[in-house]
Amino acid sequence: MCQATVYLDDERVMQDVIWMEPTEDGFTLRTFFKEPITVKGKLKGIDLLKHRVLLISEDLAPQGGAS
């Protein structure tokens, strides 16, 4: 199977994720048997070999543009 585990700031949020949908605030995560949840954050990276999706909190995300 090709489910993924989603982490937010290195903490596991949900495993066996089959669908990830972007929203205004973050992402909605769905599995086969649990209710969907919405996680606030930004995408940090995806590790396809380890089936991991890495998210980072908005307050930890780097801000664009240097002043």
N, C-alpha and C. Protein backbone atom coordinates (compact mmCIF):
# COMPACT_ATOMS: atom_id res chain seq x y z
N MET A 1 0.84 -1.18 0.00
CA MET A 1 0.00 0.00 0.00
C MET A 1 0.88 1.24 0.00
N CYS A 2 0.30 2.36 -0.36
CA CYS A 2 1.07 3.59 -0.51
C CYS A 2 0.56 4.70 0.40
N GLN A 3 0.16 4.38 1.61
CA GLN A 3 -0.25 5.42 2.54
C GLN A 3 0.98 6.12 3.09
N ALA A 4 0.77 7.33 3.56
CA ALA A 4 1.87 8.11 4.10
C ALA A 4 1.60 8.46 5.56
N THR A 5 2.66 8.82 6.26
CA THR A 5 2.56 9.37 7.60
C THR A 5 2.89 10.85 7.51
N VAL A 6 2.06 11.67 8.14
CA VAL A 6 2.24 13.12 8.08
C VAL A 6 2.77 13.60 9.43
N TYR A 7 3.82 14.42 9.36
CA TYR A 7 4.44 14.99 10.55
C TYR A 7 4.32 16.51 10.51
N LEU A 8 4.06 17.10 11.66
CA LEU A 8 4.05 18.55 11.80
C LEU A 8 5.12 18.90 12.82
N ASP A 9 6.15 19.63 12.40
CA ASP A 9 7.28 19.98 13.27
C ASP A 9 7.87 18.74 13.94
N ASP A 10 8.07 17.69 13.16
CA ASP A 10 8.67 16.42 13.61
C ASP A 10 7.80 15.61 14.56
N GLU A 11 6.52 15.99 14.72
CA GLU A 11 5.60 15.22 15.54
C GLU A 11 4.57 14.56 14.63
N ARG A 12 4.37 13.25 14.80
CA ARG A 12 3.42 12.53 13.95
C ARG A 12 2.01 13.02 14.21
N VAL A 13 1.34 13.42 13.13
CA VAL A 13 -0.03 13.92 13.21
C VAL A 13 -1.03 12.83 12.83
N MET A 14 -0.74 12.11 11.75
CA MET A 14 -1.65 11.07 11.28
C MET A 14 -0.88 10.08 10.42
N GLN A 15 -1.19 8.80 10.57
CA GLN A 15 -0.58 7.80 9.71
C GLN A 15 -1.64 7.17 8.82
N ASP A 16 -1.21 6.43 7.83
CA ASP A 16 -2.09 5.79 6.85
C ASP A 16 -2.91 6.81 6.05
N VAL A 17 -2.32 7.96 5.77
CA VAL A 17 -2.99 9.02 5.01
C VAL A 17 -3.04 8.61 3.54
N ILE A 18 -4.24 8.68 2.97
CA ILE A 18 -4.41 8.31 1.56
C ILE A 18 -4.69 9.52 0.68
N TRP A 19 -5.04 10.67 1.30
CA TRP A 19 -5.38 11.85 0.52
C TRP A 19 -5.03 13.09 1.33
N MET A 20 -4.36 14.02 0.66
CA MET A 20 -3.99 15.29 1.27
C MET A 20 -4.47 16.39 0.36
N GLU A 21 -5.26 17.30 0.90
CA GLU A 21 -5.82 18.38 0.08
C GLU A 21 -5.46 19.73 0.68
N PRO A 22 -4.88 20.64 -0.11
CA PRO A 22 -4.55 21.96 0.44
C PRO A 22 -5.82 22.76 0.74
N THR A 23 -5.77 23.53 1.82
CA THR A 23 -6.84 24.45 2.19
C THR A 23 -6.21 25.82 2.39
N GLU A 24 -7.01 26.81 2.72
CA GLU A 24 -6.47 28.16 2.95
C GLU A 24 -5.48 28.17 4.10
N ASP A 25 -5.73 27.38 5.14
CA ASP A 25 -4.90 27.40 6.34
C ASP A 25 -3.84 26.31 6.39
N GLY A 26 -3.98 25.29 5.59
CA GLY A 26 -3.05 24.17 5.68
C GLY A 26 -3.46 23.03 4.77
N PHE A 27 -3.73 21.87 5.37
CA PHE A 27 -4.07 20.68 4.59
C PHE A 27 -5.14 19.86 5.31
N THR A 28 -6.05 19.28 4.54
CA THR A 28 -6.99 18.30 5.06
C THR A 28 -6.41 16.93 4.77
N LEU A 29 -6.36 16.08 5.81
CA LEU A 29 -5.80 14.73 5.70
C LEU A 29 -6.91 13.72 5.84
N ARG A 30 -6.88 12.70 4.96
CA ARG A 30 -7.91 11.65 4.99
C ARG A 30 -7.26 10.28 5.03
N THR A 31 -7.91 9.37 5.76
CA THR A 31 -7.51 7.97 5.78
C THR A 31 -8.72 7.15 5.36
N PHE A 32 -8.55 5.83 5.33
CA PHE A 32 -9.67 4.97 4.97
C PHE A 32 -10.77 4.97 6.03
N PHE A 33 -10.41 4.94 7.31
CA PHE A 33 -11.39 4.64 8.36
C PHE A 33 -11.57 5.73 9.40
N LYS A 34 -10.75 6.78 9.41
CA LYS A 34 -10.89 7.86 10.39
C LYS A 34 -11.52 9.08 9.75
N GLU A 35 -12.05 9.95 10.60
CA GLU A 35 -12.58 11.22 10.12
C GLU A 35 -11.44 12.09 9.62
N PRO A 36 -11.66 12.86 8.56
CA PRO A 36 -10.61 13.77 8.08
C PRO A 36 -10.28 14.83 9.14
N ILE A 37 -9.03 15.28 9.13
CA ILE A 37 -8.62 16.37 10.01
C ILE A 37 -7.94 17.44 9.15
N THR A 38 -7.95 18.66 9.66
CA THR A 38 -7.25 19.75 8.99
C THR A 38 -6.08 20.17 9.86
N VAL A 39 -4.92 20.28 9.24
CA VAL A 39 -3.70 20.65 9.93
C VAL A 39 -3.23 21.99 9.38
N LYS A 40 -2.96 22.93 10.26
CA LYS A 40 -2.44 24.23 9.85
C LYS A 40 -0.94 24.13 9.70
N GLY A 41 -0.42 24.54 8.57
CA GLY A 41 1.01 24.51 8.34
C GLY A 41 1.34 24.63 6.87
N LYS A 42 2.63 24.62 6.60
CA LYS A 42 3.13 24.69 5.23
C LYS A 42 3.94 23.44 4.93
N LEU A 43 3.99 23.09 3.67
CA LEU A 43 4.73 21.92 3.23
C LEU A 43 6.23 22.18 3.32
N LYS A 44 6.93 21.29 4.02
CA LYS A 44 8.38 21.38 4.13
C LYS A 44 9.05 20.42 3.15
N GLY A 45 8.47 19.21 3.01
CA GLY A 45 9.06 18.24 2.10
C GLY A 45 8.27 16.94 2.08
N ILE A 46 8.56 16.11 1.08
CA ILE A 46 7.92 14.80 0.93
C ILE A 46 9.02 13.78 0.69
N ASP A 47 9.04 12.74 1.50
CA ASP A 47 10.00 11.65 1.36
C ASP A 47 9.23 10.45 0.79
N LEU A 48 9.31 10.26 -0.51
CA LEU A 48 8.54 9.21 -1.17
C LEU A 48 9.04 7.82 -0.81
N LEU A 49 10.34 7.68 -0.55
CA LEU A 49 10.87 6.37 -0.19
C LEU A 49 10.38 5.91 1.18
N LYS A 50 10.22 6.85 2.11
CA LYS A 50 9.79 6.50 3.46
C LYS A 50 8.31 6.79 3.70
N HIS A 51 7.60 7.23 2.66
CA HIS A 51 6.16 7.52 2.75
C HIS A 51 5.87 8.54 3.84
N ARG A 52 6.65 9.63 3.87
CA ARG A 52 6.49 10.67 4.88
C ARG A 52 6.22 12.01 4.21
N VAL A 53 5.31 12.77 4.83
CA VAL A 53 5.06 14.15 4.41
C VAL A 53 5.42 15.02 5.61
N LEU A 54 6.28 15.99 5.37
CA LEU A 54 6.76 16.86 6.44
C LEU A 54 6.14 18.24 6.31
N LEU A 55 5.46 18.67 7.36
CA LEU A 55 4.85 20.00 7.41
C LEU A 55 5.56 20.80 8.49
N ILE A 56 5.48 22.11 8.38
CA ILE A 56 6.06 23.01 9.37
C ILE A 56 5.00 24.02 9.77
N SER A 57 4.96 24.36 11.06
CA SER A 57 4.00 25.34 11.56
C SER A 57 4.22 26.68 10.91
N GLU A 58 3.15 27.44 10.79
CA GLU A 58 3.23 28.77 10.18
C GLU A 58 4.25 29.64 10.90
N ASP A 59 4.30 29.58 12.23
CA ASP A 59 5.21 30.44 12.98
C ASP A 59 6.67 30.03 12.84
N LEU A 60 6.93 28.79 12.38
CA LEU A 60 8.30 28.33 12.17
C LEU A 60 8.73 28.41 10.71
N ALA A 61 7.77 28.66 9.80
CA ALA A 61 8.08 28.72 8.37
C ALA A 61 8.92 29.96 8.08
N PRO A 62 9.95 29.79 7.23
CA PRO A 62 10.77 30.95 6.86
C PRO A 62 9.95 31.97 6.09
N GLN A 63 10.19 33.24 6.36
CA GLN A 63 9.48 34.31 5.67
C GLN A 63 10.25 34.67 4.40
N GLY A 64 9.53 34.96 3.34
CA GLY A 64 10.15 35.31 2.07
C GLY A 64 10.67 36.74 2.05
N GLY A 65 11.77 36.93 1.32
CA GLY A 65 12.30 38.28 1.12
C GLY A 65 13.08 38.81 2.30
N ALA A 66 14.26 39.25 2.05
CA ALA A 66 15.08 39.85 3.11
C ALA A 66 14.97 41.37 3.03
N SER A 67 14.94 42.02 4.19
CA SER A 67 14.82 43.48 4.22
C SER A 67 16.11 44.09 4.67
